[in-house]
Amino acid sequence: MTDDDKVTGRLHGEQPDPGKPDGLFLRLIYMVLIAVMLSLGQTVLTVLTVIQFVIMLVSGGKPNPRLAEVGTDLGIWIAKAARHQTAASEVKPWPWTELD
């Protein structure tokens, strides 16, 4: 299985059954919490981007693979959070479900 297959499965694979949908007030609370987490995630992504760029400057253009993997995981989490925020999915992102 290639890395692209893994990412595709994580983004578009089978989602756990969220059970009974939350009420609108509870969903609003989750949406506010996830919005704060998304903002923090964007900040982390910016910091990772700058660090990776500095690493690439120092290493002659070679990226750090572990940092790249963290970026992939963060991107997948942001995509799942965005799907929940826009009501495209009832499945909440981590920490309410497994990180993958």
N, C-alpha and C. Protein backbone atom coordinates (compact mmCIF):
# COMPACT_ATOMS: atom_id res chain seq x y z
N MET A 1 0.84 -1.18 0.00
CA MET A 1 0.00 0.00 0.00
C MET A 1 0.89 1.24 0.00
N THR A 2 0.64 2.15 -0.93
CA THR A 2 1.45 3.36 -1.04
C THR A 2 0.98 4.41 -0.03
N ASP A 3 1.80 5.44 0.16
CA ASP A 3 1.41 6.53 1.04
C ASP A 3 0.15 7.23 0.54
N ASP A 4 0.03 7.36 -0.79
CA ASP A 4 -1.17 8.00 -1.36
C ASP A 4 -2.42 7.19 -1.04
N ASP A 5 -2.32 5.85 -1.08
CA ASP A 5 -3.46 5.00 -0.75
C ASP A 5 -3.85 5.18 0.72
N LYS A 6 -2.85 5.30 1.59
CA LYS A 6 -3.14 5.50 3.02
C LYS A 6 -3.87 6.81 3.25
N VAL A 7 -3.38 7.87 2.61
CA VAL A 7 -4.01 9.18 2.78
C VAL A 7 -5.43 9.17 2.22
N THR A 8 -5.61 8.57 1.05
CA THR A 8 -6.95 8.50 0.45
C THR A 8 -7.90 7.74 1.37
N GLY A 9 -7.44 6.65 1.96
CA GLY A 9 -8.28 5.88 2.87
C GLY A 9 -8.63 6.67 4.12
N ARG A 10 -7.70 7.46 4.60
CA ARG A 10 -7.95 8.25 5.80
C ARG A 10 -8.93 9.39 5.52
N LEU A 11 -8.86 9.94 4.31
CA LEU A 11 -9.75 11.04 3.97
C LEU A 11 -11.14 10.58 3.53
N HIS A 12 -11.18 9.52 2.74
CA HIS A 12 -12.44 9.10 2.12
C HIS A 12 -12.92 7.73 2.57
N GLY A 13 -12.19 7.10 3.48
CA GLY A 13 -12.54 5.76 3.92
C GLY A 13 -13.80 5.74 4.77
N GLU A 14 -14.13 4.55 5.20
CA GLU A 14 -15.33 4.37 6.01
C GLU A 14 -15.20 5.15 7.31
N GLN A 15 -16.26 5.87 7.65
CA GLN A 15 -16.27 6.65 8.88
C GLN A 15 -17.05 5.89 9.94
N PRO A 16 -16.63 6.04 11.21
CA PRO A 16 -17.39 5.37 12.26
C PRO A 16 -18.80 5.94 12.35
N ASP A 17 -19.72 5.10 12.78
CA ASP A 17 -21.10 5.55 12.95
C ASP A 17 -21.17 6.47 14.15
N PRO A 18 -21.58 7.74 13.95
CA PRO A 18 -21.61 8.67 15.07
C PRO A 18 -22.76 8.44 16.03
N GLY A 19 -23.67 7.53 15.67
CA GLY A 19 -24.83 7.29 16.51
C GLY A 19 -25.87 8.37 16.29
N LYS A 20 -26.65 8.62 17.33
CA LYS A 20 -27.71 9.61 17.25
C LYS A 20 -27.11 11.01 17.08
N PRO A 21 -27.62 11.80 16.12
CA PRO A 21 -27.09 13.16 15.92
C PRO A 21 -27.28 14.02 17.18
N ASP A 22 -26.33 14.91 17.41
CA ASP A 22 -26.42 15.82 18.55
C ASP A 22 -27.51 16.85 18.30
N GLY A 23 -28.07 17.38 19.38
CA GLY A 23 -29.02 18.48 19.25
C GLY A 23 -28.30 19.72 18.73
N LEU A 24 -29.05 20.69 18.25
CA LEU A 24 -28.44 21.87 17.66
C LEU A 24 -27.60 22.67 18.66
N PHE A 25 -28.06 22.78 19.91
CA PHE A 25 -27.30 23.53 20.90
C PHE A 25 -25.98 22.84 21.20
N LEU A 26 -26.01 21.52 21.37
CA LEU A 26 -24.78 20.77 21.62
C LEU A 26 -23.86 20.84 20.41
N ARG A 27 -24.43 20.77 19.20
CA ARG A 27 -23.61 20.90 17.99
C ARG A 27 -22.94 22.27 17.94
N LEU A 28 -23.64 23.31 18.35
CA LEU A 28 -23.06 24.65 18.39
C LEU A 28 -21.86 24.68 19.33
N ILE A 29 -21.97 24.06 20.48
CA ILE A 29 -20.86 24.02 21.43
C ILE A 29 -19.66 23.30 20.80
N TYR A 30 -19.92 22.14 20.17
CA TYR A 30 -18.84 21.42 19.49
C TYR A 30 -18.22 22.26 18.38
N MET A 31 -19.07 22.98 17.64
CA MET A 31 -18.56 23.79 16.53
C MET A 31 -17.66 24.91 17.03
N VAL A 32 -18.01 25.52 18.16
CA VAL A 32 -17.17 26.58 18.72
C VAL A 32 -15.83 25.99 19.19
N LEU A 33 -15.88 24.85 19.90
CA LEU A 33 -14.65 24.20 20.35
C LEU A 33 -13.76 23.80 19.17
N ILE A 34 -14.35 23.22 18.15
CA ILE A 34 -13.57 22.80 16.98
C ILE A 34 -13.03 24.02 16.24
N ALA A 35 -13.77 25.12 16.20
CA ALA A 35 -13.27 26.34 15.56
C ALA A 35 -12.02 26.85 16.27
N VAL A 36 -12.02 26.80 17.59
CA VAL A 36 -10.83 27.20 18.35
C VAL A 36 -9.68 26.25 18.05
N MET A 37 -9.97 24.95 18.00
CA MET A 37 -8.94 23.97 17.69
C MET A 37 -8.40 24.15 16.27
N LEU A 38 -9.27 24.48 15.32
CA LEU A 38 -8.83 24.76 13.95
C LEU A 38 -7.90 25.96 13.90
N SER A 39 -8.22 26.99 14.66
CA SER A 39 -7.36 28.16 14.71
C SER A 39 -5.98 27.80 15.26
N LEU A 40 -5.96 27.00 16.31
CA LEU A 40 -4.69 26.53 16.87
C LEU A 40 -3.95 25.66 15.85
N GLY A 41 -4.69 24.82 15.14
CA GLY A 41 -4.10 23.96 14.12
C GLY A 41 -3.46 24.77 13.00
N GLN A 42 -4.10 25.85 12.60
CA GLN A 42 -3.53 26.72 11.56
C GLN A 42 -2.22 27.35 12.04
N THR A 43 -2.19 27.73 13.32
CA THR A 43 -0.97 28.30 13.89
C THR A 43 0.15 27.26 13.90
N VAL A 44 -0.18 26.05 14.32
CA VAL A 44 0.80 24.97 14.32
C VAL A 44 1.30 24.70 12.90
N LEU A 45 0.39 24.69 11.94
CA LEU A 45 0.77 24.46 10.54
C LEU A 45 1.73 25.55 10.05
N THR A 46 1.48 26.78 10.43
CA THR A 46 2.38 27.88 10.03
C THR A 46 3.76 27.69 10.63
N VAL A 47 3.83 27.32 11.90
CA VAL A 47 5.12 27.09 12.56
C VAL A 47 5.85 25.91 11.90
N LEU A 48 5.12 24.82 11.63
CA LEU A 48 5.73 23.67 10.96
C LEU A 48 6.27 24.04 9.58
N THR A 49 5.53 24.88 8.88
CA THR A 49 5.94 25.31 7.55
C THR A 49 7.26 26.08 7.61
N VAL A 50 7.37 26.99 8.55
CA VAL A 50 8.60 27.78 8.68
C VAL A 50 9.77 26.87 9.08
N ILE A 51 9.54 25.97 10.04
CA ILE A 51 10.60 25.05 10.47
C ILE A 51 11.05 24.17 9.31
N GLN A 52 10.09 23.62 8.56
CA GLN A 52 10.44 22.75 7.43
C GLN A 52 11.24 23.54 6.38
N PHE A 53 10.86 24.78 6.14
CA PHE A 53 11.59 25.58 5.16
C PHE A 53 13.03 25.82 5.61
N VAL A 54 13.22 26.12 6.89
CA VAL A 54 14.57 26.32 7.41
C VAL A 54 15.38 25.03 7.30
N ILE A 55 14.76 23.90 7.62
CA ILE A 55 15.44 22.60 7.48
C ILE A 55 15.84 22.37 6.04
N MET A 56 14.97 22.70 5.11
CA MET A 56 15.27 22.51 3.69
C MET A 56 16.38 23.46 3.23
N LEU A 57 16.42 24.65 3.77
CA LEU A 57 17.51 25.58 3.43
C LEU A 57 18.86 25.03 3.89
N VAL A 58 18.87 24.48 5.09
CA VAL A 58 20.12 23.97 5.68
C VAL A 58 20.56 22.66 5.03
N SER A 59 19.60 21.82 4.65
CA SER A 59 19.94 20.48 4.14
C SER A 59 19.97 20.40 2.62
N GLY A 60 20.01 21.50 1.96
CA GLY A 60 20.10 21.49 0.50
C GLY A 60 18.81 21.08 -0.20
N GLY A 61 17.67 21.43 0.36
CA GLY A 61 16.39 21.14 -0.28
C GLY A 61 15.73 19.85 0.15
N LYS A 62 16.34 19.11 1.08
CA LYS A 62 15.77 17.83 1.52
C LYS A 62 14.86 18.07 2.74
N PRO A 63 13.56 17.74 2.62
CA PRO A 63 12.65 17.95 3.75
C PRO A 63 12.83 16.88 4.83
N ASN A 64 12.42 17.23 6.03
CA ASN A 64 12.42 16.28 7.15
C ASN A 64 11.19 15.39 7.01
N PRO A 65 11.36 14.06 6.84
CA PRO A 65 10.20 13.19 6.60
C PRO A 65 9.24 13.11 7.80
N ARG A 66 9.76 13.17 9.01
CA ARG A 66 8.86 13.12 10.18
C ARG A 66 8.01 14.37 10.27
N LEU A 67 8.61 15.51 9.98
CA LEU A 67 7.87 16.76 9.98
C LEU A 67 6.82 16.76 8.87
N ALA A 68 7.17 16.19 7.72
CA ALA A 68 6.21 16.08 6.62
C ALA A 68 5.03 15.19 7.01
N GLU A 69 5.29 14.11 7.74
CA GLU A 69 4.22 13.21 8.19
C GLU A 69 3.30 13.91 9.19
N VAL A 70 3.89 14.70 10.08
CA VAL A 70 3.07 15.48 11.02
C VAL A 70 2.17 16.44 10.24
N GLY A 71 2.73 17.06 9.21
CA GLY A 71 1.93 17.96 8.38
C GLY A 71 0.79 17.24 7.68
N THR A 72 1.04 16.02 7.22
CA THR A 72 -0.01 15.22 6.59
C THR A 72 -1.11 14.88 7.58
N ASP A 73 -0.71 14.44 8.78
CA ASP A 73 -1.69 14.12 9.82
C ASP A 73 -2.52 15.35 10.21
N LEU A 74 -1.85 16.49 10.34
CA LEU A 74 -2.55 17.71 10.68
C LEU A 74 -3.52 18.11 9.58
N GLY A 75 -3.10 17.96 8.33
CA GLY A 75 -3.98 18.28 7.20
C GLY A 75 -5.22 17.40 7.16
N ILE A 76 -5.04 16.13 7.47
CA ILE A 76 -6.18 15.21 7.50
C ILE A 76 -7.13 15.58 8.63
N TRP A 77 -6.57 15.94 9.79
CA TRP A 77 -7.41 16.36 10.91
C TRP A 77 -8.19 17.62 10.55
N ILE A 78 -7.52 18.58 9.92
CA ILE A 78 -8.20 19.82 9.53
C ILE A 78 -9.32 19.52 8.54
N ALA A 79 -9.10 18.59 7.61
CA ALA A 79 -10.15 18.23 6.65
C ALA A 79 -11.35 17.60 7.36
N LYS A 80 -11.09 16.71 8.32
CA LYS A 80 -12.19 16.09 9.06
C LYS A 80 -12.94 17.12 9.88
N ALA A 81 -12.20 18.05 10.51
CA ALA A 81 -12.85 19.09 11.30
C ALA A 81 -13.70 19.99 10.40
N ALA A 82 -13.20 20.31 9.22
CA ALA A 82 -13.95 21.16 8.30
C ALA A 82 -15.24 20.47 7.84
N ARG A 83 -15.17 19.15 7.61
CA ARG A 83 -16.39 18.42 7.22
C ARG A 83 -17.42 18.46 8.33
N HIS A 84 -16.98 18.34 9.58
CA HIS A 84 -17.93 18.41 10.69
C HIS A 84 -18.49 19.83 10.81
N GLN A 85 -17.63 20.84 10.68
CA GLN A 85 -18.08 22.22 10.83
C GLN A 85 -19.12 22.60 9.78
N THR A 86 -18.99 22.06 8.59
CA THR A 86 -19.92 22.42 7.51
C THR A 86 -21.08 21.44 7.40
N ALA A 87 -21.21 20.54 8.37
CA ALA A 87 -22.28 19.54 8.44
C ALA A 87 -22.23 18.56 7.28
N ALA A 88 -21.05 18.38 6.67
CA ALA A 88 -20.89 17.36 5.64
C ALA A 88 -20.73 15.99 6.29
N SER A 89 -20.45 15.98 7.59
CA SER A 89 -20.28 14.73 8.32
C SER A 89 -20.72 14.95 9.76
N GLU A 90 -21.30 13.93 10.35
CA GLU A 90 -21.67 13.97 11.77
C GLU A 90 -20.53 13.47 12.65
N VAL A 91 -19.48 12.92 12.02
CA VAL A 91 -18.35 12.38 12.78
C VAL A 91 -17.46 13.53 13.23
N LYS A 92 -17.28 13.62 14.55
CA LYS A 92 -16.41 14.66 15.10
C LYS A 92 -14.95 14.23 14.96
N PRO A 93 -14.04 15.18 14.79
CA PRO A 93 -12.62 14.84 14.68
C PRO A 93 -12.05 14.48 16.06
N TRP A 94 -10.77 14.07 16.06
CA TRP A 94 -10.08 13.84 17.33
C TRP A 94 -10.20 15.11 18.17
N PRO A 95 -10.43 15.05 19.42
CA PRO A 95 -10.28 13.97 20.39
C PRO A 95 -11.55 13.17 20.65
N TRP A 96 -12.62 13.43 19.91
CA TRP A 96 -13.86 12.69 20.12
C TRP A 96 -13.87 11.36 19.40
N THR A 97 -13.04 11.22 18.38
CA THR A 97 -12.88 9.95 17.68
C THR A 97 -11.40 9.64 17.58
N GLU A 98 -11.07 8.46 17.06
CA GLU A 98 -9.67 8.06 16.90
C GLU A 98 -8.96 9.01 15.93
N LEU A 99 -7.68 9.21 16.16
CA LEU A 99 -6.89 10.11 15.30
C LEU A 99 -6.60 9.47 13.94
N ASP A 100 -6.63 8.20 13.82
CA ASP A 100 -6.31 7.43 12.61
C ASP A 100 -4.88 7.02 12.66
